[in-house]
Amino acid sequence: MSQEALAFEAEMTASYLSQIEGGKRNPSLEALHRLSCALRLDLEELLKA
């Protein structure tokens, strides 16, 4: 899945997702939840990765 597609599915901007991936932003719990849903993972699984 591309970064742009993931950002779209998670209802966030690609720029914000890029900053999270680059360690420049700390995602909120809500952002992590949206990412886990977009990736079809339990939040626990996402946090283990």
PDB file of N, CA and C in Angstrom:
ATOM      1  N   MET A   1       0.854  -1.170   0.000  1.00  0.00           N
ATOM      2  CA  MET A   1       0.000   0.000   0.000  1.00  0.00           C
ATOM      3  C   MET A   1       0.900   1.233   0.000  1.00  0.00           C
ATOM      4  N   SER A   2       0.578   2.156  -0.865  1.00  0.00           N
ATOM      5  CA  SER A   2       1.373   3.383  -0.921  1.00  0.00           C
ATOM      6  C   SER A   2       1.066   4.270   0.281  1.00  0.00           C
ATOM      7  N   GLN A   3       1.981   5.174   0.551  1.00  0.00           N
ATOM      8  CA  GLN A   3       1.793   6.113   1.652  1.00  0.00           C
ATOM      9  C   GLN A   3       0.547   6.968   1.420  1.00  0.00           C
ATOM     10  N   GLU A   4       0.339   7.374   0.181  1.00  0.00           N
ATOM     11  CA  GLU A   4      -0.828   8.195  -0.145  1.00  0.00           C
ATOM     12  C   GLU A   4      -2.127   7.412   0.071  1.00  0.00           C
ATOM     13  N   ALA A   5      -2.143   6.151  -0.334  1.00  0.00           N
ATOM     14  CA  ALA A   5      -3.336   5.315  -0.156  1.00  0.00           C
ATOM     15  C   ALA A   5      -3.610   5.081   1.326  1.00  0.00           C
ATOM     16  N   LEU A   6      -2.564   4.828   2.100  1.00  0.00           N
ATOM     17  CA  LEU A   6      -2.734   4.619   3.538  1.00  0.00           C
ATOM     18  C   LEU A   6      -3.259   5.881   4.200  1.00  0.00           C
ATOM     19  N   ALA A   7      -2.702   7.020   3.837  1.00  0.00           N
ATOM     20  CA  ALA A   7      -3.161   8.294   4.401  1.00  0.00           C
ATOM     21  C   ALA A   7      -4.637   8.519   4.078  1.00  0.00           C
ATOM     22  N   PHE A   8      -5.034   8.209   2.855  1.00  0.00           N
ATOM     23  CA  PHE A   8      -6.427   8.372   2.457  1.00  0.00           C
ATOM     24  C   PHE A   8      -7.329   7.461   3.290  1.00  0.00           C
ATOM     25  N   GLU A   9      -6.951   6.187   3.418  1.00  0.00           N
ATOM     26  CA  GLU A   9      -7.745   5.226   4.181  1.00  0.00           C
ATOM     27  C   GLU A   9      -7.830   5.608   5.658  1.00  0.00           C
ATOM     28  N   ALA A  10      -6.759   6.203   6.180  1.00  0.00           N
ATOM     29  CA  ALA A  10      -6.705   6.587   7.592  1.00  0.00           C
ATOM     30  C   ALA A  10      -7.266   7.988   7.833  1.00  0.00           C
ATOM     31  N   GLU A  11      -7.735   8.625   6.770  1.00  0.00           N
ATOM     32  CA  GLU A  11      -8.304   9.968   6.858  1.00  0.00           C
ATOM     33  C   GLU A  11      -7.335  10.982   7.469  1.00  0.00           C
ATOM     34  N   MET A  12      -6.117  10.971   6.929  1.00  0.00           N
ATOM     35  CA  MET A  12      -5.107  11.949   7.337  1.00  0.00           C
ATOM     36  C   MET A  12      -4.329  12.355   6.093  1.00  0.00           C
ATOM     37  N   THR A  13      -3.572  13.419   6.191  1.00  0.00           N
ATOM     38  CA  THR A  13      -2.804  13.855   5.029  1.00  0.00           C
ATOM     39  C   THR A  13      -1.554  12.990   4.865  1.00  0.00           C
ATOM     40  N   ALA A  14      -1.118  12.880   3.634  1.00  0.00           N
ATOM     41  CA  ALA A  14       0.113  12.131   3.356  1.00  0.00           C
ATOM     42  C   ALA A  14       1.299  12.811   4.037  1.00  0.00           C
ATOM     43  N   SER A  15       1.257  14.127   4.138  1.00  0.00           N
ATOM     44  CA  SER A  15       2.326  14.872   4.802  1.00  0.00           C
ATOM     45  C   SER A  15       2.418  14.496   6.284  1.00  0.00           C
ATOM     46  N   TYR A  16       1.269  14.428   6.956  1.00  0.00           N
ATOM     47  CA  TYR A  16       1.247  14.055   8.371  1.00  0.00           C
ATOM     48  C   TYR A  16       1.762  12.622   8.546  1.00  0.00           C
ATOM     49  N   LEU A  17       1.323  11.718   7.692  1.00  0.00           N
ATOM     50  CA  LEU A  17       1.787  10.331   7.773  1.00  0.00           C
ATOM     51  C   LEU A  17       3.289  10.252   7.546  1.00  0.00           C
ATOM     52  N   SER A  18       3.792  11.008   6.599  1.00  0.00           N
ATOM     53  CA  SER A  18       5.226  11.043   6.328  1.00  0.00           C
ATOM     54  C   SER A  18       6.005  11.535   7.552  1.00  0.00           C
ATOM     55  N   GLN A  19       5.471  12.534   8.233  1.00  0.00           N
ATOM     56  CA  GLN A  19       6.132  13.057   9.434  1.00  0.00           C
ATOM     57  C   GLN A  19       6.132  12.015  10.558  1.00  0.00           C
ATOM     58  N   ILE A  20       5.058  11.255  10.669  1.00  0.00           N
ATOM     59  CA  ILE A  20       5.007  10.175  11.669  1.00  0.00           C
ATOM     60  C   ILE A  20       6.073   9.136  11.339  1.00  0.00           C
ATOM     61  N   GLU A  21       6.097   8.702  10.077  1.00  0.00           N
ATOM     62  CA  GLU A  21       7.067   7.690   9.657  1.00  0.00           C
ATOM     63  C   GLU A  21       8.499   8.173   9.830  1.00  0.00           C
ATOM     64  N   GLY A  22       8.729   9.464   9.630  1.00  0.00           N
ATOM     65  CA  GLY A  22      10.069  10.026   9.750  1.00  0.00           C
ATOM     66  C   GLY A  22      10.472  10.370  11.175  1.00  0.00           C
ATOM     67  N   GLY A  23       9.570  10.145  12.128  1.00  0.00           N
ATOM     68  CA  GLY A  23       9.879  10.432  13.523  1.00  0.00           C
ATOM     69  C   GLY A  23       9.815  11.902  13.882  1.00  0.00           C
ATOM     70  N   LYS A  24       9.219  12.710  13.011  1.00  0.00           N
ATOM     71  CA  LYS A  24       9.128  14.143  13.273  1.00  0.00           C
ATOM     72  C   LYS A  24       7.869  14.528  14.030  1.00  0.00           C
ATOM     73  N   ARG A  25       6.866  13.634  14.038  1.00  0.00           N
ATOM     74  CA  ARG A  25       5.615  13.868  14.754  1.00  0.00           C
ATOM     75  C   ARG A  25       5.302  12.647  15.596  1.00  0.00           C
ATOM     76  N   ASN A  26       4.711  12.874  16.733  1.00  0.00           N
ATOM     77  CA  ASN A  26       4.205  11.787  17.558  1.00  0.00           C
ATOM     78  C   ASN A  26       2.708  11.676  17.326  1.00  0.00           C
ATOM     79  N   PRO A  27       2.251  10.535  16.828  1.00  0.00           N
ATOM     80  CA  PRO A  27       0.829  10.409  16.523  1.00  0.00           C
ATOM     81  C   PRO A  27      -0.015  10.315  17.788  1.00  0.00           C
ATOM     82  N   SER A  28      -1.207  10.850  17.713  1.00  0.00           N
ATOM     83  CA  SER A  28      -2.156  10.723  18.814  1.00  0.00           C
ATOM     84  C   SER A  28      -2.692   9.295  18.820  1.00  0.00           C
ATOM     85  N   LEU A  29      -3.340   8.935  19.898  1.00  0.00           N
ATOM     86  CA  LEU A  29      -3.963   7.626  19.979  1.00  0.00           C
ATOM     87  C   LEU A  29      -5.020   7.482  18.890  1.00  0.00           C
ATOM     88  N   GLU A  30      -5.745   8.554  18.600  1.00  0.00           N
ATOM     89  CA  GLU A  30      -6.745   8.533  17.541  1.00  0.00           C
ATOM     90  C   GLU A  30      -6.096   8.262  16.182  1.00  0.00           C
ATOM     91  N   ALA A  31      -4.965   8.903  15.913  1.00  0.00           N
ATOM     92  CA  ALA A  31      -4.263   8.678  14.649  1.00  0.00           C
ATOM     93  C   ALA A  31      -3.781   7.234  14.550  1.00  0.00           C
ATOM     94  N   LEU A  32      -3.277   6.689  15.648  1.00  0.00           N
ATOM     95  CA  LEU A  32      -2.849   5.290  15.650  1.00  0.00           C
ATOM     96  C   LEU A  32      -4.027   4.357  15.413  1.00  0.00           C
ATOM     97  N   HIS A  33      -5.154   4.683  15.990  1.00  0.00           N
ATOM     98  CA  HIS A  33      -6.356   3.865  15.788  1.00  0.00           C
ATOM     99  C   HIS A  33      -6.778   3.897  14.324  1.00  0.00           C
ATOM    100  N   ARG A  34      -6.772   5.071  13.715  1.00  0.00           N
ATOM    101  CA  ARG A  34      -7.148   5.178  12.300  1.00  0.00           C
ATOM    102  C   ARG A  34      -6.182   4.418  11.413  1.00  0.00           C
ATOM    103  N   LEU A  35      -4.888   4.474  11.748  1.00  0.00           N
ATOM    104  CA  LEU A  35      -3.901   3.721  10.971  1.00  0.00           C
ATOM    105  C   LEU A  35      -4.107   2.220  11.120  1.00  0.00           C
ATOM    106  N   SER A  36      -4.370   1.771  12.338  1.00  0.00           N
ATOM    107  CA  SER A  36      -4.581   0.338  12.545  1.00  0.00           C
ATOM    108  C   SER A  36      -5.817  -0.140  11.788  1.00  0.00           C
ATOM    109  N   CYS A  37      -6.863   0.657  11.767  1.00  0.00           N
ATOM    110  CA  CYS A  37      -8.070   0.284  11.010  1.00  0.00           C
ATOM    111  C   CYS A  37      -7.776   0.249   9.511  1.00  0.00           C
ATOM    112  N   ALA A  38      -7.046   1.240   9.021  1.00  0.00           N
ATOM    113  CA  ALA A  38      -6.714   1.291   7.599  1.00  0.00           C
ATOM    114  C   ALA A  38      -5.855   0.098   7.184  1.00  0.00           C
ATOM    115  N   LEU A  39      -5.007  -0.345   8.090  1.00  0.00           N
ATOM    116  CA  LEU A  39      -4.136  -1.491   7.804  1.00  0.00           C
ATOM    117  C   LEU A  39      -4.779  -2.826   8.166  1.00  0.00           C
ATOM    118  N   ARG A  40      -5.984  -2.745   8.737  1.00  0.00           N
ATOM    119  CA  ARG A  40      -6.734  -3.927   9.170  1.00  0.00           C
ATOM    120  C   ARG A  40      -5.938  -4.751  10.180  1.00  0.00           C
ATOM    121  N   LEU A  41      -5.390  -4.017  11.159  1.00  0.00           N
ATOM    122  CA  LEU A  41      -4.642  -4.615  12.258  1.00  0.00           C
ATOM    123  C   LEU A  41      -5.274  -4.182  13.567  1.00  0.00           C
ATOM    124  N   ASP A  42      -5.146  -5.023  14.579  1.00  0.00           N
ATOM    125  CA  ASP A  42      -5.506  -4.578  15.924  1.00  0.00           C
ATOM    126  C   ASP A  42      -4.490  -3.516  16.324  1.00  0.00           C
ATOM    127  N   LEU A  43      -4.914  -2.564  17.132  1.00  0.00           N
ATOM    128  CA  LEU A  43      -4.003  -1.515  17.582  1.00  0.00           C
ATOM    129  C   LEU A  43      -2.773  -2.118  18.268  1.00  0.00           C
ATOM    130  N   GLU A  44      -2.995  -3.171  19.032  1.00  0.00           N
ATOM    131  CA  GLU A  44      -1.891  -3.854  19.716  1.00  0.00           C
ATOM    132  C   GLU A  44      -0.851  -4.357  18.706  1.00  0.00           C
ATOM    133  N   GLU A  45      -1.323  -4.910  17.609  1.00  0.00           N
ATOM    134  CA  GLU A  45      -0.415  -5.410  16.569  1.00  0.00           C
ATOM    135  C   GLU A  45       0.397  -4.270  15.951  1.00  0.00           C
ATOM    136  N   LEU A  46      -0.254  -3.142  15.724  1.00  0.00           N
ATOM    137  CA  LEU A  46       0.427  -1.993  15.152  1.00  0.00           C
ATOM    138  C   LEU A  46       1.526  -1.503  16.092  1.00  0.00           C
ATOM    139  N   LEU A  47       1.234  -1.477  17.376  1.00  0.00           N
ATOM    140  CA  LEU A  47       2.201  -0.970  18.342  1.00  0.00           C
ATOM    141  C   LEU A  47       3.377  -1.920  18.550  1.00  0.00           C
ATOM    142  N   LYS A  48       3.188  -3.193  18.274  1.00  0.00           N
ATOM    143  CA  LYS A  48       4.282  -4.164  18.377  1.00  0.00           C
ATOM    144  C   LYS A  48       5.273  -4.005  17.236  1.00  0.00           C
ATOM    145  N   ALA A  49       4.785  -3.512  16.095  1.00  0.00           N
ATOM    146  CA  ALA A  49       5.623  -3.445  14.880  1.00  0.00           C
ATOM    147  C   ALA A  49       6.713  -2.412  14.985  1.00  0.00           C
TER     148      ALA A  49
END
